[in-house]
């Protein structure tokens, strides 16, 4: 009986460790690379560069940029344009922000 209790305890500890992984770090390989392509930061549309230099992002450093072709999430719709994902870094924190071609923020991308 003692061995059974110890075995259960050990299994519980291992399962707890698996759930306690650090998810605060964003890894580039977490994005779907089949359609998303990394681009040079200079290739971002000027409107997005202007948005990034606004007050919301002044303490962040532009780390990387990605282009998401139109129709990436299903069928292409009328007026569908490319989106852009930018990685912004501040100290040890990295966030990803998705913008449409007109510079409108479409949201943040979580891992």
PDB file of N, CA and C in Angstrom:
ATOM      1  N   UNK A   1       0.827  -1.204   0.000  1.00  0.00           N
ATOM      2  CA  UNK A   1       0.000   0.000   0.000  1.00  0.00           C
ATOM      3  C   UNK A   1       0.867   1.263   0.000  1.00  0.00           C
ATOM      4  N   UNK A   2       1.963   1.188   0.761  1.00  0.00           N
ATOM      5  CA  UNK A   2       2.856   2.330   0.849  1.00  0.00           C
ATOM      6  C   UNK A   2       3.462   2.641  -0.529  1.00  0.00           C
ATOM      7  N   UNK A   3       3.811   1.612  -1.286  1.00  0.00           N
ATOM      8  CA  UNK A   3       4.380   1.807  -2.623  1.00  0.00           C
ATOM      9  C   UNK A   3       3.370   2.430  -3.574  1.00  0.00           C
ATOM     10  N   UNK A   4       2.112   2.063  -3.434  1.00  0.00           N
ATOM     11  CA  UNK A   4       1.059   2.620  -4.287  1.00  0.00           C
ATOM     12  C   UNK A   4       0.896   4.114  -4.021  1.00  0.00           C
ATOM     13  N   UNK A   5       0.900   4.482  -2.761  1.00  0.00           N
ATOM     14  CA  UNK A   5       0.752   5.895  -2.389  1.00  0.00           C
ATOM     15  C   UNK A   5       1.946   6.691  -2.904  1.00  0.00           C
ATOM     16  N   UNK A   6       3.140   6.165  -2.764  1.00  0.00           N
ATOM     17  CA  UNK A   6       4.340   6.859  -3.232  1.00  0.00           C
ATOM     18  C   UNK A   6       4.318   6.993  -4.756  1.00  0.00           C
ATOM     19  N   UNK A   7       3.910   5.950  -5.449  1.00  0.00           N
ATOM     20  CA  UNK A   7       3.821   5.984  -6.907  1.00  0.00           C
ATOM     21  C   UNK A   7       2.824   7.034  -7.371  1.00  0.00           C
ATOM     22  N   UNK A   8       1.674   7.089  -6.718  1.00  0.00           N
ATOM     23  CA  UNK A   8       0.660   8.095  -7.062  1.00  0.00           C
ATOM     24  C   UNK A   8       1.187   9.500  -6.804  1.00  0.00           C
ATOM     25  N   UNK A   9       1.887   9.677  -5.706  1.00  0.00           N
ATOM     26  CA  UNK A   9       2.464  10.977  -5.369  1.00  0.00           C
ATOM     27  C   UNK A   9       3.473  11.409  -6.434  1.00  0.00           C
ATOM     28  N   UNK A  10       4.340  10.496  -6.856  1.00  0.00           N
ATOM     29  CA  UNK A  10       5.349  10.807  -7.869  1.00  0.00           C
ATOM     30  C   UNK A  10       4.684  11.165  -9.197  1.00  0.00           C
ATOM     31  N   UNK A  11       3.666  10.406  -9.594  1.00  0.00           N
ATOM     32  CA  UNK A  11       2.944  10.717 -10.829  1.00  0.00           C
ATOM     33  C   UNK A  11       2.270  12.077 -10.752  1.00  0.00           C
ATOM     34  N   UNK A  12       1.722  12.398  -9.597  1.00  0.00           N
ATOM     35  CA  UNK A  12       1.085  13.698  -9.398  1.00  0.00           C
ATOM     36  C   UNK A  12       2.112  14.819  -9.535  1.00  0.00           C
ATOM     37  N   UNK A  13       3.303  14.628  -8.963  1.00  0.00           N
ATOM     38  CA  UNK A  13       4.355  15.651  -9.054  1.00  0.00           C
ATOM     39  C   UNK A  13       4.769  15.879 -10.501  1.00  0.00           C
ATOM     40  N   UNK A  14       4.961  14.797 -11.264  1.00  0.00           N
ATOM     41  CA  UNK A  14       5.342  14.939 -12.667  1.00  0.00           C
ATOM     42  C   UNK A  14       4.249  15.625 -13.484  1.00  0.00           C
ATOM     43  N   UNK A  15       3.008  15.298 -13.211  1.00  0.00           N
ATOM     44  CA  UNK A  15       1.929  15.940 -13.965  1.00  0.00           C
ATOM     45  C   UNK A  15       1.812  17.415 -13.599  1.00  0.00           C
ATOM     46  N   UNK A  16       2.111  17.774 -12.364  1.00  0.00           N
ATOM     47  CA  UNK A  16       2.088  19.183 -11.957  1.00  0.00           C
ATOM     48  C   UNK A  16       3.188  19.966 -12.647  1.00  0.00           C
ATOM     49  N   UNK A  17       4.358  19.355 -12.792  1.00  0.00           N
ATOM     50  CA  UNK A  17       5.464  20.025 -13.461  1.00  0.00           C
ATOM     51  C   UNK A  17       5.165  20.272 -14.932  1.00  0.00           C
ATOM     52  N   UNK A  18       4.506  19.351 -15.570  1.00  0.00           N
ATOM     53  CA  UNK A  18       4.168  19.510 -16.984  1.00  0.00           C
ATOM     54  C   UNK A  18       3.224  20.686 -17.187  1.00  0.00           C
ATOM     55  N   UNK A  19       2.329  20.921 -16.269  1.00  0.00           N
ATOM     56  CA  UNK A  19       1.388  22.030 -16.373  1.00  0.00           C
ATOM     57  C   UNK A  19       1.978  23.350 -15.948  1.00  0.00           C
ATOM     58  N   UNK A  20       3.162  23.342 -15.343  1.00  0.00           N
ATOM     59  CA  UNK A  20       3.763  24.567 -14.822  1.00  0.00           C
ATOM     60  C   UNK A  20       4.826  25.121 -15.753  1.00  0.00           C
ATOM     61  N   UNK A  21       4.715  24.884 -17.044  1.00  0.00           N
ATOM     62  CA  UNK A  21       5.684  25.398 -17.995  1.00  0.00           C
ATOM     63  C   UNK A  21       5.518  26.896 -18.147  1.00  0.00           C
ATOM     64  N   UNK A  22       6.614  27.571 -18.418  1.00  0.00           N
ATOM     65  CA  UNK A  22       6.602  29.017 -18.561  1.00  0.00           C
ATOM     66  C   UNK A  22       6.014  29.380 -19.925  1.00  0.00           C
ATOM     67  N   UNK A  23       4.813  29.925 -19.925  1.00  0.00           N
ATOM     68  CA  UNK A  23       4.168  30.314 -21.182  1.00  0.00           C
ATOM     69  C   UNK A  23       4.258  31.814 -21.425  1.00  0.00           C
ATOM     70  N   UNK A  24       4.994  32.525 -20.578  1.00  0.00           N
ATOM     71  CA  UNK A  24       5.102  33.971 -20.770  1.00  0.00           C
ATOM     72  C   UNK A  24       6.040  34.317 -21.918  1.00  0.00           C
ATOM     73  N   UNK A  25       6.906  33.406 -22.288  1.00  0.00           N
ATOM     74  CA  UNK A  25       7.828  33.638 -23.389  1.00  0.00           C
ATOM     75  C   UNK A  25       7.150  33.243 -24.699  1.00  0.00           C
ATOM     76  N   UNK A  26       7.249  34.096 -25.675  1.00  0.00           N
ATOM     77  CA  UNK A  26       6.644  33.824 -26.976  1.00  0.00           C
ATOM     78  C   UNK A  26       7.747  33.314 -27.894  1.00  0.00           C
ATOM     79  N   UNK A  27       7.504  32.195 -28.498  1.00  0.00           N
ATOM     80  CA  UNK A  27       8.486  31.606 -29.400  1.00  0.00           C
ATOM     81  C   UNK A  27       8.032  31.820 -30.843  1.00  0.00           C
ATOM     82  N   UNK A  28       8.944  32.252 -31.712  1.00  0.00           N
ATOM     83  CA  UNK A  28       8.562  32.498 -33.107  1.00  0.00           C
ATOM     84  C   UNK A  28       7.971  31.278 -33.793  1.00  0.00           C
ATOM     85  N   UNK A  29       8.372  30.072 -33.405  1.00  0.00           N
ATOM     86  CA  UNK A  29       7.858  28.892 -34.088  1.00  0.00           C
ATOM     87  C   UNK A  29       6.420  28.579 -33.714  1.00  0.00           C
ATOM     88  N   UNK A  30       5.821  29.364 -32.816  1.00  0.00           N
ATOM     89  CA  UNK A  30       4.441  29.099 -32.431  1.00  0.00           C
ATOM     90  C   UNK A  30       3.443  29.596 -33.481  1.00  0.00           C
ATOM     91  N   UNK A  31       3.889  30.480 -34.386  1.00  0.00           N
ATOM     92  CA  UNK A  31       2.998  30.952 -35.436  1.00  0.00           C
ATOM     93  C   UNK A  31       2.947  29.932 -36.561  1.00  0.00           C
ATOM     94  N   UNK A  32       1.884  29.956 -37.321  1.00  0.00           N
ATOM     95  CA  UNK A  32       1.718  29.058 -38.458  1.00  0.00           C
ATOM     96  C   UNK A  32       2.568  29.574 -39.611  1.00  0.00           C
ATOM     97  N   UNK A  33       3.705  28.918 -39.866  1.00  0.00           N
ATOM     98  CA  UNK A  33       4.638  29.387 -40.887  1.00  0.00           C
ATOM     99  C   UNK A  33       4.281  28.949 -42.296  1.00  0.00           C
ATOM    100  N   UNK A  34       3.183  28.223 -42.464  1.00  0.00           N
ATOM    101  CA  UNK A  34       2.811  27.813 -43.816  1.00  0.00           C
ATOM    102  C   UNK A  34       2.448  29.019 -44.668  1.00  0.00           C
ATOM    103  N   UNK A  35       1.842  30.025 -44.098  1.00  0.00           N
ATOM    104  CA  UNK A  35       1.421  31.205 -44.855  1.00  0.00           C
ATOM    105  C   UNK A  35       2.117  32.478 -44.389  1.00  0.00           C
ATOM    106  N   UNK A  36       2.468  32.561 -43.115  1.00  0.00           N
ATOM    107  CA  UNK A  36       3.073  33.770 -42.574  1.00  0.00           C
ATOM    108  C   UNK A  36       4.538  33.812 -42.973  1.00  0.00           C
ATOM    109  N   UNK A  37       4.952  34.955 -43.500  1.00  0.00           N
ATOM    110  CA  UNK A  37       6.344  35.073 -43.918  1.00  0.00           C
ATOM    111  C   UNK A  37       7.003  36.246 -43.194  1.00  0.00           C
ATOM    112  N   UNK A  38       8.212  35.999 -42.715  1.00  0.00           N
ATOM    113  CA  UNK A  38       8.958  37.055 -42.043  1.00  0.00           C
ATOM    114  C   UNK A  38       9.425  38.056 -43.090  1.00  0.00           C
ATOM    115  N   UNK A  39       9.287  39.315 -42.768  1.00  0.00           N
ATOM    116  CA  UNK A  39       9.715  40.366 -43.688  1.00  0.00           C
ATOM    117  C   UNK A  39      10.670  41.304 -42.970  1.00  0.00           C
ATOM    118  N   UNK A  40      11.377  42.083 -43.746  1.00  0.00           N
ATOM    119  CA  UNK A  40      12.252  43.098 -43.176  1.00  0.00           C
ATOM    120  C   UNK A  40      11.373  44.194 -42.576  1.00  0.00           C
ATOM    121  N   UNK A  41      11.798  44.735 -41.481  1.00  0.00           N
ATOM    122  CA  UNK A  41      11.025  45.776 -40.786  1.00  0.00           C
ATOM    123  C   UNK A  41      10.772  46.976 -41.707  1.00  0.00           C
ATOM    124  N   UNK A  42      11.698  47.236 -42.601  1.00  0.00           N
ATOM    125  CA  UNK A  42      11.540  48.369 -43.530  1.00  0.00           C
ATOM    126  C   UNK A  42      10.415  48.146 -44.531  1.00  0.00           C
ATOM    127  N   UNK A  43       9.956  46.897 -44.692  1.00  0.00           N
ATOM    128  CA  UNK A  43       8.882  46.592 -45.634  1.00  0.00           C
ATOM    129  C   UNK A  43       7.489  46.836 -45.053  1.00  0.00           C
ATOM    130  N   UNK A  44       7.403  47.178 -43.778  1.00  0.00           N
ATOM    131  CA  UNK A  44       6.093  47.472 -43.189  1.00  0.00           C
ATOM    132  C   UNK A  44       5.499  48.711 -43.843  1.00  0.00           C
ATOM    133  N   UNK A  45       4.179  48.729 -44.035  1.00  0.00           N
ATOM    134  CA  UNK A  45       3.547  49.944 -44.561  1.00  0.00           C
ATOM    135  C   UNK A  45       3.820  51.144 -43.638  1.00  0.00           C
ATOM    136  N   UNK A  46       3.949  52.290 -44.240  1.00  0.00           N
ATOM    137  CA  UNK A  46       4.280  53.511 -43.491  1.00  0.00           C
ATOM    138  C   UNK A  46       3.263  53.796 -42.384  1.00  0.00           C
ATOM    139  N   UNK A  47       1.993  53.515 -42.635  1.00  0.00           N
ATOM    140  CA  UNK A  47       0.959  53.783 -41.625  1.00  0.00           C
ATOM    141  C   UNK A  47       1.177  52.945 -40.369  1.00  0.00           C
ATOM    142  N   UNK A  48       1.659  51.716 -40.541  1.00  0.00           N
ATOM    143  CA  UNK A  48       1.923  50.866 -39.375  1.00  0.00           C
ATOM    144  C   UNK A  48       3.142  51.388 -38.620  1.00  0.00           C
ATOM    145  N   UNK A  49       4.151  51.834 -39.334  1.00  0.00           N
ATOM    146  CA  UNK A  49       5.324  52.425 -38.678  1.00  0.00           C
ATOM    147  C   UNK A  49       4.922  53.641 -37.850  1.00  0.00           C
ATOM    148  N   UNK A  50       3.996  54.442 -38.399  1.00  0.00           N
ATOM    149  CA  UNK A  50       3.527  55.615 -37.668  1.00  0.00           C
ATOM    150  C   UNK A  50       2.774  55.195 -36.404  1.00  0.00           C
ATOM    151  N   UNK A  51       1.943  54.175 -36.509  1.00  0.00           N
ATOM    152  CA  UNK A  51       1.202  53.682 -35.336  1.00  0.00           C
ATOM    153  C   UNK A  51       2.164  53.185 -34.261  1.00  0.00           C
ATOM    154  N   UNK A  52       3.236  52.520 -34.681  1.00  0.00           N
ATOM    155  CA  UNK A  52       4.201  51.983 -33.725  1.00  0.00           C
ATOM    156  C   UNK A  52       5.005  53.079 -33.037  1.00  0.00           C
ATOM    157  N   UNK A  53       5.111  54.228 -33.671  1.00  0.00           N
ATOM    158  CA  UNK A  53       5.832  55.329 -33.034  1.00  0.00           C
ATOM    159  C   UNK A  53       4.895  56.193 -32.182  1.00  0.00           C
ATOM    160  N   UNK A  54       3.639  55.766 -32.062  1.00  0.00           N
ATOM    161  CA  UNK A  54       2.681  56.510 -31.240  1.00  0.00           C
ATOM    162  C   UNK A  54       2.925  56.230 -29.765  1.00  0.00           C
ATOM    163  N   UNK A  55       2.192  56.913 -28.946  1.00  0.00           N
ATOM    164  CA  UNK A  55       2.353  56.846 -27.492  1.00  0.00           C
ATOM    165  C   UNK A  55       2.166  55.435 -26.931  1.00  0.00           C
ATOM    166  N   UNK A  56       1.300  54.621 -27.539  1.00  0.00           N
ATOM    167  CA  UNK A  56       1.029  53.278 -27.030  1.00  0.00           C
ATOM    168  C   UNK A  56       2.258  52.380 -27.035  1.00  0.00           C
ATOM    169  N   UNK A  57       3.163  52.593 -27.968  1.00  0.00           N
ATOM    170  CA  UNK A  57       4.282  51.669 -28.148  1.00  0.00           C
ATOM    171  C   UNK A  57       5.652  52.326 -27.980  1.00  0.00           C
ATOM    172  N   UNK A  58       5.717  53.518 -27.390  1.00  0.00           N
ATOM    173  CA  UNK A  58       6.990  54.236 -27.321  1.00  0.00           C
ATOM    174  C   UNK A  58       8.045  53.515 -26.490  1.00  0.00           C
ATOM    175  N   UNK A  59       7.648  52.738 -25.506  1.00  0.00           N
ATOM    176  CA  UNK A  59       8.639  52.054 -24.665  1.00  0.00           C
ATOM    177  C   UNK A  59       9.016  50.682 -25.221  1.00  0.00           C
ATOM    178  N   UNK A  60       8.459  50.316 -26.369  1.00  0.00           N
ATOM    179  CA  UNK A  60       8.727  49.016 -26.980  1.00  0.00           C
ATOM    180  C   UNK A  60       9.688  49.168 -28.154  1.00  0.00           C
ATOM    181  N   UNK A  61      10.473  48.135 -28.399  1.00  0.00           N
ATOM    182  CA  UNK A  61      11.400  48.112 -29.528  1.00  0.00           C
ATOM    183  C   UNK A  61      10.855  47.144 -30.567  1.00  0.00           C
ATOM    184  N   UNK A  62      10.808  47.592 -31.809  1.00  0.00           N
ATOM    185  CA  UNK A  62      10.340  46.741 -32.903  1.00  0.00           C
ATOM    186  C   UNK A  62      11.380  45.657 -33.150  1.00  0.00           C
ATOM    187  N   UNK A  63      10.994  44.423 -32.922  1.00  0.00           N
ATOM    188  CA  UNK A  63      11.926  43.298 -32.952  1.00  0.00           C
ATOM    189  C   UNK A  63      11.855  42.518 -34.269  1.00  0.00           C
ATOM    190  N   UNK A  64      10.649  42.289 -34.785  1.00  0.00           N
ATOM    191  CA  UNK A  64      10.485  41.518 -36.025  1.00  0.00           C
ATOM    192  C   UNK A  64       9.145  41.869 -36.653  1.00  0.00           C
ATOM    193  N   UNK A  65       9.014  41.550 -37.941  1.00  0.00           N
ATOM    194  CA  UNK A  65       7.764  41.808 -38.654  1.00  0.00           C
ATOM    195  C   UNK A  65       7.436  40.609 -39.536  1.00  0.00           C
ATOM    196  N   UNK A  66       6.129  40.355 -39.667  1.00  0.00           N
ATOM    197  CA  UNK A  66       5.643  39.231 -40.469  1.00  0.00           C
ATOM    198  C   UNK A  66       4.488  39.708 -41.331  1.00  0.00           C
ATOM    199  N   UNK A  67       4.353  39.101 -42.508  1.00  0.00           N
ATOM    200  CA  UNK A  67       3.245  39.414 -43.407  1.00  0.00           C
ATOM    201  C   UNK A  67       2.328  38.203 -43.468  1.00  0.00           C
ATOM    202  N   UNK A  68       1.025  38.452 -43.304  1.00  0.00           N
ATOM    203  CA  UNK A  68       0.014  37.398 -43.380  1.00  0.00           C
ATOM    204  C   UNK A  68      -0.789  37.646 -44.643  1.00  0.00           C
ATOM    205  N   UNK A  69      -0.623  36.795 -45.662  1.00  0.00           N
ATOM    206  CA  UNK A  69      -1.341  37.015 -46.919  1.00  0.00           C
ATOM    207  C   UNK A  69      -2.857  37.005 -46.731  1.00  0.00           C
ATOM    208  N   UNK A  70      -3.552  37.757 -47.576  1.00  0.00           N
ATOM    209  CA  UNK A  70      -5.019  37.805 -47.544  1.00  0.00           C
ATOM    210  C   UNK A  70      -5.579  36.406 -47.708  1.00  0.00           C
ATOM    211  N   UNK A  71      -6.668  36.121 -47.015  1.00  0.00           N
ATOM    212  CA  UNK A  71      -7.319  34.824 -47.116  1.00  0.00           C
ATOM    213  C   UNK A  71      -6.635  33.739 -46.313  1.00  0.00           C
ATOM    214  N   UNK A  72      -5.733  34.103 -45.411  1.00  0.00           N
ATOM    215  CA  UNK A  72      -5.000  33.112 -44.623  1.00  0.00           C
ATOM    216  C   UNK A  72      -5.910  32.286 -43.731  1.00  0.00           C
ATOM    217  N   UNK A  73      -6.972  32.871 -43.258  1.00  0.00           N
ATOM    218  CA  UNK A  73      -7.885  32.157 -42.354  1.00  0.00           C
ATOM    219  C   UNK A  73      -9.179  31.788 -43.056  1.00  0.00           C
ATOM    220  N   UNK A  74      -9.081  31.114 -44.149  1.00  0.00           N
ATOM    221  CA  UNK A  74     -10.290  30.683 -44.851  1.00  0.00           C
ATOM    222  C   UNK A  74     -10.381  31.298 -46.225  1.00  0.00           C
ATOM    223  N   UNK A  75     -11.606  31.372 -46.716  1.00  0.00           N
ATOM    224  CA  UNK A  75     -11.837  31.889 -48.062  1.00  0.00           C
ATOM    225  C   UNK A  75     -11.536  33.376 -48.132  1.00  0.00           C
ATOM    226  N   UNK A  76     -11.041  33.800 -49.261  1.00  0.00           N
ATOM    227  CA  UNK A  76     -10.756  35.214 -49.479  1.00  0.00           C
ATOM    228  C   UNK A  76     -12.064  35.962 -49.683  1.00  0.00           C
ATOM    229  N   UNK A  77     -12.196  37.090 -49.022  1.00  0.00           N
ATOM    230  CA  UNK A  77     -13.424  37.880 -49.105  1.00  0.00           C
ATOM    231  C   UNK A  77     -13.133  39.153 -49.889  1.00  0.00           C
ATOM    232  N   UNK A  78     -14.181  39.801 -50.381  1.00  0.00           N
ATOM    233  CA  UNK A  78     -14.014  41.058 -51.107  1.00  0.00           C
ATOM    234  C   UNK A  78     -13.329  42.083 -50.209  1.00  0.00           C
ATOM    235  N   UNK A  79     -12.348  42.762 -50.756  1.00  0.00           N
ATOM    236  CA  UNK A  79     -11.642  43.779 -49.987  1.00  0.00           C
ATOM    237  C   UNK A  79     -10.657  43.209 -48.988  1.00  0.00           C
ATOM    238  N   UNK A  80     -10.446  41.905 -49.007  1.00  0.00           N
ATOM    239  CA  UNK A  80      -9.513  41.274 -48.077  1.00  0.00           C
ATOM    240  C   UNK A  80      -8.096  41.710 -48.441  1.00  0.00           C
ATOM    241  N   UNK A  81      -7.343  42.182 -47.454  1.00  0.00           N
ATOM    242  CA  UNK A  81      -5.978  42.640 -47.690  1.00  0.00           C
ATOM    243  C   UNK A  81      -5.016  41.885 -46.786  1.00  0.00           C
ATOM    244  N   UNK A  82      -3.750  42.051 -47.073  1.00  0.00           N
ATOM    245  CA  UNK A  82      -2.717  41.441 -46.238  1.00  0.00           C
ATOM    246  C   UNK A  82      -2.748  42.057 -44.840  1.00  0.00           C
ATOM    247  N   UNK A  83      -2.408  41.250 -43.854  1.00  0.00           N
ATOM    248  CA  UNK A  83      -2.233  41.728 -42.489  1.00  0.00           C
ATOM    249  C   UNK A  83      -0.751  41.670 -42.156  1.00  0.00           C
ATOM    250  N   UNK A  84      -0.378  42.349 -41.087  1.00  0.00           N
ATOM    251  CA  UNK A  84       0.996  42.367 -40.639  1.00  0.00           C
ATOM    252  C   UNK A  84       1.028  42.078 -39.143  1.00  0.00           C
ATOM    253  N   UNK A  85       1.996  41.298 -38.737  1.00  0.00           N
ATOM    254  CA  UNK A  85       2.211  41.010 -37.325  1.00  0.00           C
ATOM    255  C   UNK A  85       3.565  41.585 -36.967  1.00  0.00           C
ATOM    256  N   UNK A  86       3.603  42.374 -35.908  1.00  0.00           N
ATOM    257  CA  UNK A  86       4.875  42.928 -35.448  1.00  0.00           C
ATOM    258  C   UNK A  86       5.166  42.384 -34.051  1.00  0.00           C
ATOM    259  N   UNK A  87       6.419  42.040 -33.851  1.00  0.00           N
ATOM    260  CA  UNK A  87       6.887  41.626 -32.530  1.00  0.00           C
ATOM    261  C   UNK A  87       7.545  42.818 -31.879  1.00  0.00           C
ATOM    262  N   UNK A  88       7.086  43.142 -30.697  1.00  0.00           N
ATOM    263  CA  UNK A  88       7.643  44.263 -29.955  1.00  0.00           C
ATOM    264  C   UNK A  88       8.276  43.723 -28.681  1.00  0.00           C
ATOM    265  N   UNK A  89       9.421  44.272 -28.333  1.00  0.00           N
ATOM    266  CA  UNK A  89      10.164  43.759 -27.186  1.00  0.00           C
ATOM    267  C   UNK A  89      10.425  44.886 -26.196  1.00  0.00           C
ATOM    268  N   UNK A  90      10.255  44.558 -24.905  1.00  0.00           N
ATOM    269  CA  UNK A  90      10.591  45.481 -23.822  1.00  0.00           C
ATOM    270  C   UNK A  90      11.191  44.646 -22.705  1.00  0.00           C
ATOM    271  N   UNK A  91      12.479  44.841 -22.452  1.00  0.00           N
ATOM    272  CA  UNK A  91      13.231  44.037 -21.480  1.00  0.00           C
ATOM    273  C   UNK A  91      13.092  42.554 -21.841  1.00  0.00           C
ATOM    274  N   UNK A  92      12.486  41.746 -20.988  1.00  0.00           N
ATOM    275  CA  UNK A  92      12.350  40.312 -21.265  1.00  0.00           C
ATOM    276  C   UNK A  92      10.968  39.948 -21.792  1.00  0.00           C
ATOM    277  N   UNK A  93      10.160  40.935 -22.095  1.00  0.00           N
ATOM    278  CA  UNK A  93       8.791  40.691 -22.540  1.00  0.00           C
ATOM    279  C   UNK A  93       8.669  40.941 -24.042  1.00  0.00           C
ATOM    280  N   UNK A  94       7.969  40.047 -24.724  1.00  0.00           N
ATOM    281  CA  UNK A  94       7.712  40.193 -26.159  1.00  0.00           C
ATOM    282  C   UNK A  94       6.211  40.081 -26.385  1.00  0.00           C
ATOM    283  N   UNK A  95       5.672  41.010 -27.158  1.00  0.00           N
ATOM    284  CA  UNK A  95       4.261  40.922 -27.544  1.00  0.00           C
ATOM    285  C   UNK A  95       4.185  40.926 -29.058  1.00  0.00           C
ATOM    286  N   UNK A  96       3.090  40.388 -29.568  1.00  0.00           N
ATOM    287  CA  UNK A  96       2.820  40.421 -31.008  1.00  0.00           C
ATOM    288  C   UNK A  96       1.508  41.148 -31.218  1.00  0.00           C
ATOM    289  N   UNK A  97       1.531  42.099 -32.144  1.00  0.00           N
ATOM    290  CA  UNK A  97       0.343  42.885 -32.460  1.00  0.00           C
ATOM    291  C   UNK A  97       0.054  42.695 -33.941  1.00  0.00           C
ATOM    292  N   UNK A  98      -1.225  42.452 -34.242  1.00  0.00           N
ATOM    293  CA  UNK A  98      -1.631  42.262 -35.637  1.00  0.00           C
ATOM    294  C   UNK A  98      -2.317  43.527 -36.139  1.00  0.00           C
ATOM    295  N   UNK A  99      -1.883  43.984 -37.314  1.00  0.00           N
ATOM    296  CA  UNK A  99      -2.443  45.171 -37.955  1.00  0.00           C
ATOM    297  C   UNK A  99      -2.957  44.782 -39.335  1.00  0.00           C
ATOM    298  N   UNK A 100      -3.984  45.505 -39.801  1.00  0.00           N
ATOM    299  CA  UNK A 100      -4.380  45.323 -41.191  1.00  0.00           C
ATOM    300  C   UNK A 100      -3.550  46.273 -42.049  1.00  0.00           C
ATOM    301  N   UNK A 101      -3.765  46.235 -43.338  1.00  0.00           N
ATOM    302  CA  UNK A 101      -2.985  47.024 -44.282  1.00  0.00           C
ATOM    303  C   UNK A 101      -3.162  48.529 -44.079  1.00  0.00           C
ATOM    304  N   UNK A 102      -4.281  48.934 -43.468  1.00  0.00           N
ATOM    305  CA  UNK A 102      -4.557  50.350 -43.233  1.00  0.00           C
ATOM    306  C   UNK A 102      -4.025  50.837 -41.887  1.00  0.00           C
ATOM    307  N   UNK A 103      -3.351  49.961 -41.142  1.00  0.00           N
ATOM    308  CA  UNK A 103      -2.772  50.361 -39.864  1.00  0.00           C
ATOM    309  C   UNK A 103      -3.703  50.200 -38.676  1.00  0.00           C
ATOM    310  N   UNK A 104      -4.867  49.589 -38.885  1.00  0.00           N
ATOM    311  CA  UNK A 104      -5.791  49.364 -37.770  1.00  0.00           C
ATOM    312  C   UNK A 104      -5.363  48.130 -36.986  1.00  0.00           C
ATOM    313  N   UNK A 105      -5.265  48.270 -35.669  1.00  0.00           N
ATOM    314  CA  UNK A 105      -4.877  47.135 -34.835  1.00  0.00           C
ATOM    315  C   UNK A 105      -6.012  46.140 -34.801  1.00  0.00           C
ATOM    316  N   UNK A 106      -5.694  44.884 -35.085  1.00  0.00           N
ATOM    317  CA  UNK A 106      -6.709  43.826 -35.096  1.00  0.00           C
ATOM    318  C   UNK A 106      -6.626  42.985 -33.833  1.00  0.00           C
ATOM    319  N   UNK A 107      -5.633  43.240 -32.998  1.00  0.00           N
ATOM    320  CA  UNK A 107      -5.530  42.521 -31.747  1.00  0.00           C
ATOM    321  C   UNK A 107      -4.125  42.049 -31.459  1.00  0.00           C
ATOM    322  N   UNK A 108      -4.019  41.397 -30.307  1.00  0.00           N
ATOM    323  CA  UNK A 108      -2.751  40.845 -29.864  1.00  0.00           C
ATOM    324  C   UNK A 108      -2.778  39.344 -30.108  1.00  0.00           C
ATOM    325  N   UNK A 109      -1.625  38.790 -30.384  1.00  0.00           N
ATOM    326  CA  UNK A 109      -1.528  37.358 -30.646  1.00  0.00           C
ATOM    327  C   UNK A 109      -0.883  36.701 -29.444  1.00  0.00           C
ATOM    328  N   UNK A 110      -1.609  35.777 -28.861  1.00  0.00           N
ATOM    329  CA  UNK A 110      -1.090  35.003 -27.742  1.00  0.00           C
ATOM    330  C   UNK A 110      -0.543  33.701 -28.259  1.00  0.00           C
ATOM    331  N   UNK A 111       0.350  33.151 -27.491  1.00  0.00           N
ATOM    332  CA  UNK A 111       0.906  31.857 -27.865  1.00  0.00           C
ATOM    333  C   UNK A 111      -0.097  30.767 -27.647  1.00  0.00           C
TER     334      UNK A 111
END
